Amino acid sequence: MTASVHVAIIMDGNGRWAERQGLPRLVGHANGHKAARRVIQMAPDYNVQYLSLYTFSTENWRRSKEEVDGLMRLIEETAIEELPVMKRNGVRILVSGRMGDLPESLQSTLTRAQQETADNAKITVNLAINYGGRAEIIDAIKKLAQQNIDPNDLTEERFAQALYQPSLPDPDLLIRTAGEMRFSNFLIWQTAYTEVHITETLWPDFDATDLQAALEDYRSRSRKFGGIIVE
C-alpha cells in the first residue's frame, strides 16, 4: 500500500495561459480554478490525503485593482458553487492566511466552508488565501509573544503549534507549475525537507498525467531528512 502524502502546489501560469490564447487574465484564473477542482477530485485516487493550494498570496495585492477584485469574486463564487460538492465528496476545507484583510462576504463564505466540512475525512484541502510564508512566521511570533513564554522554552515543535494549521503534517511534495524555480514565499517553514517537482505545464492545463508524473517522481526518491541512507 502506497503511503498517503501531503502535496502542496504553487498554481502558476494562469496569466500566461490566457495571454497565449489572446484572452483576459481573469479567464486564465477561471480555468485555473477548474484545474484545482480536477486535482481535488482525483487526488484521493493517488493517496493524497492533504492538499495545500497557493490560491492568493500577500504579494498578489500588488496586481491591478481590476484583477484583484476579479480574483476575490472568483474565489467567492467558486467556493459557494463547490461547497455542496465538497460536502458530498468528503472534502475538508481549511483556509490559511490573513483572512481579516479579505472582503467580508468572502470571509463569511470561507468560514462557512470550513465549518460545514469540518467532519469530512476523505481529503483535507488547505486553501492559502492572502497567505505569505513570512507573514505566517510573523503571526506565529506574535501569538507566542502574547503567551509570554520563556524564550528558553521555545522549541521547533512549540513554534510549529503557533502556525496557521498546526494539525497538518509538513508537505511531502511541492509541485510548481509553469516552469518557475522558486518558492514564492509559500510554506517556507513547513517545506524544510519537502521534495520539489517542477513542471512546464501551465496550471490551467494541469491534469491527471501531470499529477501522476509528479507523484511517481517523488516516490522514486530516497528522502534523507539531512541524514545518510545506509544501503
Protein backbone atom coordinates (compact mmCIF):
# COMPACT_ATOMS: atom_id res chain seq x y z
CA MET A 1 0.00 0.00 0.00
CA THR A 2 1.45 3.37 -1.04
CA ALA A 3 1.74 5.77 1.88
CA SER A 4 -0.57 8.79 1.83
CA VAL A 5 1.08 12.14 1.24
CA HIS A 6 0.66 15.87 1.68
CA VAL A 7 1.08 17.66 -1.65
CA ALA A 8 1.48 21.44 -1.86
CA ILE A 9 1.02 23.17 -5.20
CA ILE A 10 2.10 26.61 -6.41
CA MET A 11 -0.52 27.03 -9.13
CA ASP A 12 1.40 29.21 -11.58
CA GLY A 13 0.73 30.14 -15.19
CA ASN A 14 -2.90 31.28 -15.31
CA GLY A 15 -1.99 34.67 -16.78
CA ARG A 16 0.40 33.24 -19.35
CA TRP A 17 -2.18 30.63 -20.36
CA ALA A 18 -4.70 33.40 -21.06
CA GLU A 19 -2.24 35.68 -22.83
CA ARG A 20 -1.11 32.90 -25.19
CA GLN A 21 -4.71 32.49 -26.26
CA GLY A 22 -5.44 36.20 -26.51
CA LEU A 23 -7.83 36.09 -23.56
CA PRO A 24 -8.17 38.31 -20.45
CA ARG A 25 -6.11 37.21 -17.46
CA LEU A 26 -9.25 36.55 -15.42
CA VAL A 27 -10.27 33.90 -17.94
CA GLY A 28 -6.96 32.21 -17.16
CA HIS A 29 -7.73 32.37 -13.45
CA ALA A 30 -11.19 30.90 -14.05
CA ASN A 31 -9.64 27.98 -15.92
CA GLY A 32 -7.11 27.67 -13.12
CA HIS A 33 -9.98 27.13 -10.70
CA LYS A 34 -11.27 24.36 -12.96
CA ALA A 35 -7.84 22.74 -12.74
CA ALA A 36 -7.96 22.98 -8.95
CA ARG A 37 -11.35 21.27 -8.99
CA ARG A 38 -9.92 18.44 -11.11
CA VAL A 39 -6.96 17.95 -8.81
CA ILE A 40 -9.11 17.92 -5.66
CA GLN A 41 -11.38 15.31 -7.23
CA MET A 42 -8.60 12.97 -8.37
CA ALA A 43 -6.05 13.44 -5.57
CA PRO A 44 -7.54 10.76 -3.26
CA ASP A 45 -7.11 8.21 -6.07
CA TYR A 46 -3.35 8.79 -5.77
CA ASN A 47 -3.29 8.50 -1.96
CA VAL A 48 -3.03 12.26 -1.47
CA GLN A 49 -4.59 12.86 1.94
CA TYR A 50 -3.66 16.53 2.26
CA LEU A 51 -3.55 19.13 -0.50
CA SER A 52 -2.33 22.70 0.04
CA LEU A 53 -3.12 25.11 -2.80
CA TYR A 54 -1.47 28.54 -3.10
CA THR A 55 -4.58 30.46 -4.09
CA PHE A 56 -3.78 34.14 -3.40
CA SER A 57 -0.58 35.48 -1.85
CA THR A 58 0.02 38.53 0.30
CA GLU A 59 2.01 39.89 -2.66
CA ASN A 60 -0.86 39.47 -5.12
CA TRP A 61 -2.48 42.66 -3.80
CA ARG A 62 0.11 44.50 -5.92
CA ARG A 63 -1.71 43.50 -9.09
CA SER A 64 -4.22 45.81 -10.76
CA LYS A 65 -7.40 46.57 -8.84
CA GLU A 66 -9.42 45.05 -11.67
CA GLU A 67 -7.55 41.75 -11.41
CA VAL A 68 -7.61 41.64 -7.61
CA ASP A 69 -11.34 42.43 -7.45
CA GLY A 70 -11.97 39.80 -10.10
CA LEU A 71 -9.96 37.22 -8.18
CA MET A 72 -11.87 37.94 -4.96
CA ARG A 73 -15.18 37.46 -6.78
CA LEU A 74 -13.94 34.31 -8.49
CA ILE A 75 -12.73 32.74 -5.24
CA GLU A 76 -16.04 33.51 -3.52
CA GLU A 77 -18.23 32.34 -6.40
CA THR A 78 -16.21 29.14 -6.76
CA ALA A 79 -16.38 28.44 -3.02
CA ILE A 80 -20.17 28.87 -2.99
CA GLU A 81 -20.61 26.72 -6.11
CA GLU A 82 -18.27 23.95 -4.98
CA LEU A 83 -19.28 23.69 -1.31
CA PRO A 84 -22.15 21.20 -1.85
CA VAL A 85 -19.84 19.03 -3.97
CA MET A 86 -17.08 19.16 -1.35
CA LYS A 87 -19.53 18.15 1.36
CA ARG A 88 -20.77 15.17 -0.66
CA ASN A 89 -17.26 14.06 -1.61
CA GLY A 90 -15.79 14.09 1.89
CA VAL A 91 -13.52 17.09 1.38
CA ARG A 92 -12.49 19.04 4.47
CA ILE A 93 -11.68 22.69 3.76
CA LEU A 94 -9.13 24.70 5.72
CA VAL A 95 -8.06 28.28 5.00
CA SER A 96 -4.60 29.61 5.79
CA GLY A 97 -3.72 33.29 5.67
CA ARG A 98 -4.75 36.68 6.95
CA MET A 99 -8.48 36.31 6.41
CA GLY A 100 -9.25 39.58 8.16
CA ASP A 101 -7.96 41.54 5.14
CA LEU A 102 -10.33 39.84 2.71
CA PRO A 103 -13.76 41.23 1.71
CA GLU A 104 -16.31 40.49 4.44
CA SER A 105 -18.54 38.42 2.18
CA LEU A 106 -15.58 36.24 1.19
CA GLN A 107 -14.60 35.84 4.84
CA SER A 108 -18.12 34.64 5.63
CA THR A 109 -18.12 32.22 2.71
CA LEU A 110 -14.75 30.73 3.68
CA THR A 111 -15.75 30.44 7.34
CA ARG A 112 -18.93 28.63 6.32
CA ALA A 113 -16.96 26.26 4.07
CA GLN A 114 -14.64 25.35 6.93
CA GLN A 115 -17.48 24.85 9.39
CA GLU A 116 -19.66 22.75 7.10
CA THR A 117 -16.84 20.42 6.02
CA ALA A 118 -15.13 20.09 9.41
CA ASP A 119 -16.13 16.45 9.88
CA ASN A 120 -15.11 15.28 6.40
CA ALA A 121 -12.12 12.96 6.22
CA LYS A 122 -11.51 11.75 2.66
CA ILE A 123 -9.08 14.57 1.85
CA THR A 124 -8.12 17.84 3.54
CA VAL A 125 -7.73 20.82 1.20
CA ASN A 126 -5.80 23.73 2.68
CA LEU A 127 -6.50 26.91 0.71
CA ALA A 128 -3.77 29.50 1.16
CA ILE A 129 -5.58 32.81 0.65
CA ASN A 130 -3.93 36.14 1.46
CA TYR A 131 -1.10 33.90 2.55
CA GLY A 132 2.61 34.59 2.85
CA GLY A 133 5.17 32.35 4.50
CA ARG A 134 6.94 35.27 6.15
CA ALA A 135 3.61 36.70 7.31
CA GLU A 136 2.75 33.33 8.85
CA ILE A 137 6.03 33.28 10.76
CA ILE A 138 5.48 36.85 12.00
CA ASP A 139 1.94 35.97 13.08
CA ALA A 140 3.25 32.90 14.92
CA ILE A 141 5.83 35.03 16.74
CA LYS A 142 3.11 37.50 17.78
CA LYS A 143 0.94 34.63 19.01
CA LEU A 144 3.79 33.21 21.08
CA ALA A 145 4.69 36.65 22.45
CA GLN A 146 1.12 37.05 23.71
CA GLN A 147 1.58 33.81 25.66
CA ASN A 148 4.58 35.31 27.49
CA ILE A 149 6.59 32.13 27.12
CA ASP A 150 10.19 31.93 28.27
CA PRO A 151 12.43 32.05 25.15
CA ASN A 152 14.42 29.17 26.61
CA ASP A 153 11.26 27.05 26.43
CA LEU A 154 10.74 27.69 22.72
CA THR A 155 11.29 24.64 20.53
CA GLU A 156 10.61 23.90 16.88
CA GLU A 157 7.63 21.82 17.94
CA ARG A 158 6.16 24.61 20.06
CA PHE A 159 6.73 27.16 17.31
CA ALA A 160 5.01 24.90 14.77
CA GLN A 161 1.95 24.79 17.03
CA ALA A 162 1.60 28.57 16.56
CA LEU A 163 1.39 28.33 12.77
CA TYR A 164 -1.91 28.64 10.89
CA GLN A 165 -2.57 24.90 10.56
CA PRO A 166 -0.65 23.05 13.30
CA SER A 167 -2.68 19.89 12.74
CA LEU A 168 -1.36 19.41 9.19
CA PRO A 169 1.80 17.41 8.54
CA ASP A 170 4.57 19.14 6.61
CA PRO A 171 4.24 18.74 2.83
CA ASP A 172 5.97 15.70 1.38
CA LEU A 173 5.96 17.11 -2.14
CA LEU A 174 5.80 20.64 -3.54
CA ILE A 175 4.70 20.94 -7.16
CA ARG A 176 5.26 24.17 -9.05
CA THR A 177 3.73 24.62 -12.48
CA ALA A 178 4.79 26.85 -15.39
CA GLY A 179 8.48 26.02 -15.04
CA GLU A 180 9.38 28.60 -12.40
CA MET A 181 12.02 27.57 -9.85
CA ARG A 182 11.26 29.46 -6.67
CA PHE A 183 9.13 29.00 -3.57
CA SER A 184 7.44 32.43 -3.79
CA ASN A 185 7.01 32.72 -0.01
CA PHE A 186 4.85 29.57 0.22
CA LEU A 187 5.01 27.39 3.36
CA ILE A 188 8.64 28.35 3.92
CA TRP A 189 8.73 26.91 7.45
CA GLN A 190 6.93 23.70 6.55
CA THR A 191 8.94 22.87 3.41
CA ALA A 192 12.34 22.48 5.08
CA TYR A 193 12.61 18.87 3.86
CA THR A 194 9.91 18.83 1.21
CA GLU A 195 10.73 17.26 -2.16
CA VAL A 196 10.22 19.61 -5.13
CA HIS A 197 8.86 18.83 -8.59
CA ILE A 198 8.85 21.48 -11.34
CA THR A 199 6.67 21.04 -14.42
CA GLU A 200 6.50 23.24 -17.51
CA THR A 201 2.73 22.68 -17.68
CA LEU A 202 0.72 25.85 -17.11
CA TRP A 203 -1.72 25.44 -14.25
CA PRO A 204 -4.97 25.54 -16.30
CA ASP A 205 -3.63 22.58 -18.33
CA PHE A 206 -2.57 20.53 -15.28
CA ASP A 207 -4.26 17.13 -15.32
CA ALA A 208 -4.02 13.56 -14.06
CA THR A 209 -0.98 12.86 -16.22
CA ASP A 210 0.91 15.74 -14.60
CA LEU A 211 -0.11 14.75 -11.07
CA GLN A 212 0.83 11.13 -11.65
CA ALA A 213 4.22 12.13 -13.09
CA ALA A 214 4.95 14.34 -10.08
CA LEU A 215 4.00 11.62 -7.61
CA GLU A 216 5.98 8.95 -9.46
CA ASP A 217 8.99 11.27 -9.42
CA TYR A 218 8.54 11.86 -5.69
CA ARG A 219 8.05 8.18 -4.85
CA SER A 220 11.18 7.23 -6.77
CA ARG A 221 13.34 9.32 -4.44
CA SER A 222 15.01 8.34 -1.16
CA ARG A 223 14.30 11.01 1.45
CA LYS A 224 17.24 11.66 3.78
CA PHE A 225 15.95 14.47 6.04
CA GLY A 226 19.54 15.64 6.46
CA GLY A 227 20.87 12.17 7.25
CA ILE A 228 22.58 9.42 5.29
CA ILE A 229 20.80 6.46 3.79
CA VAL A 230 22.58 3.21 4.58
CA GLU A 231 22.23 0.68 1.77
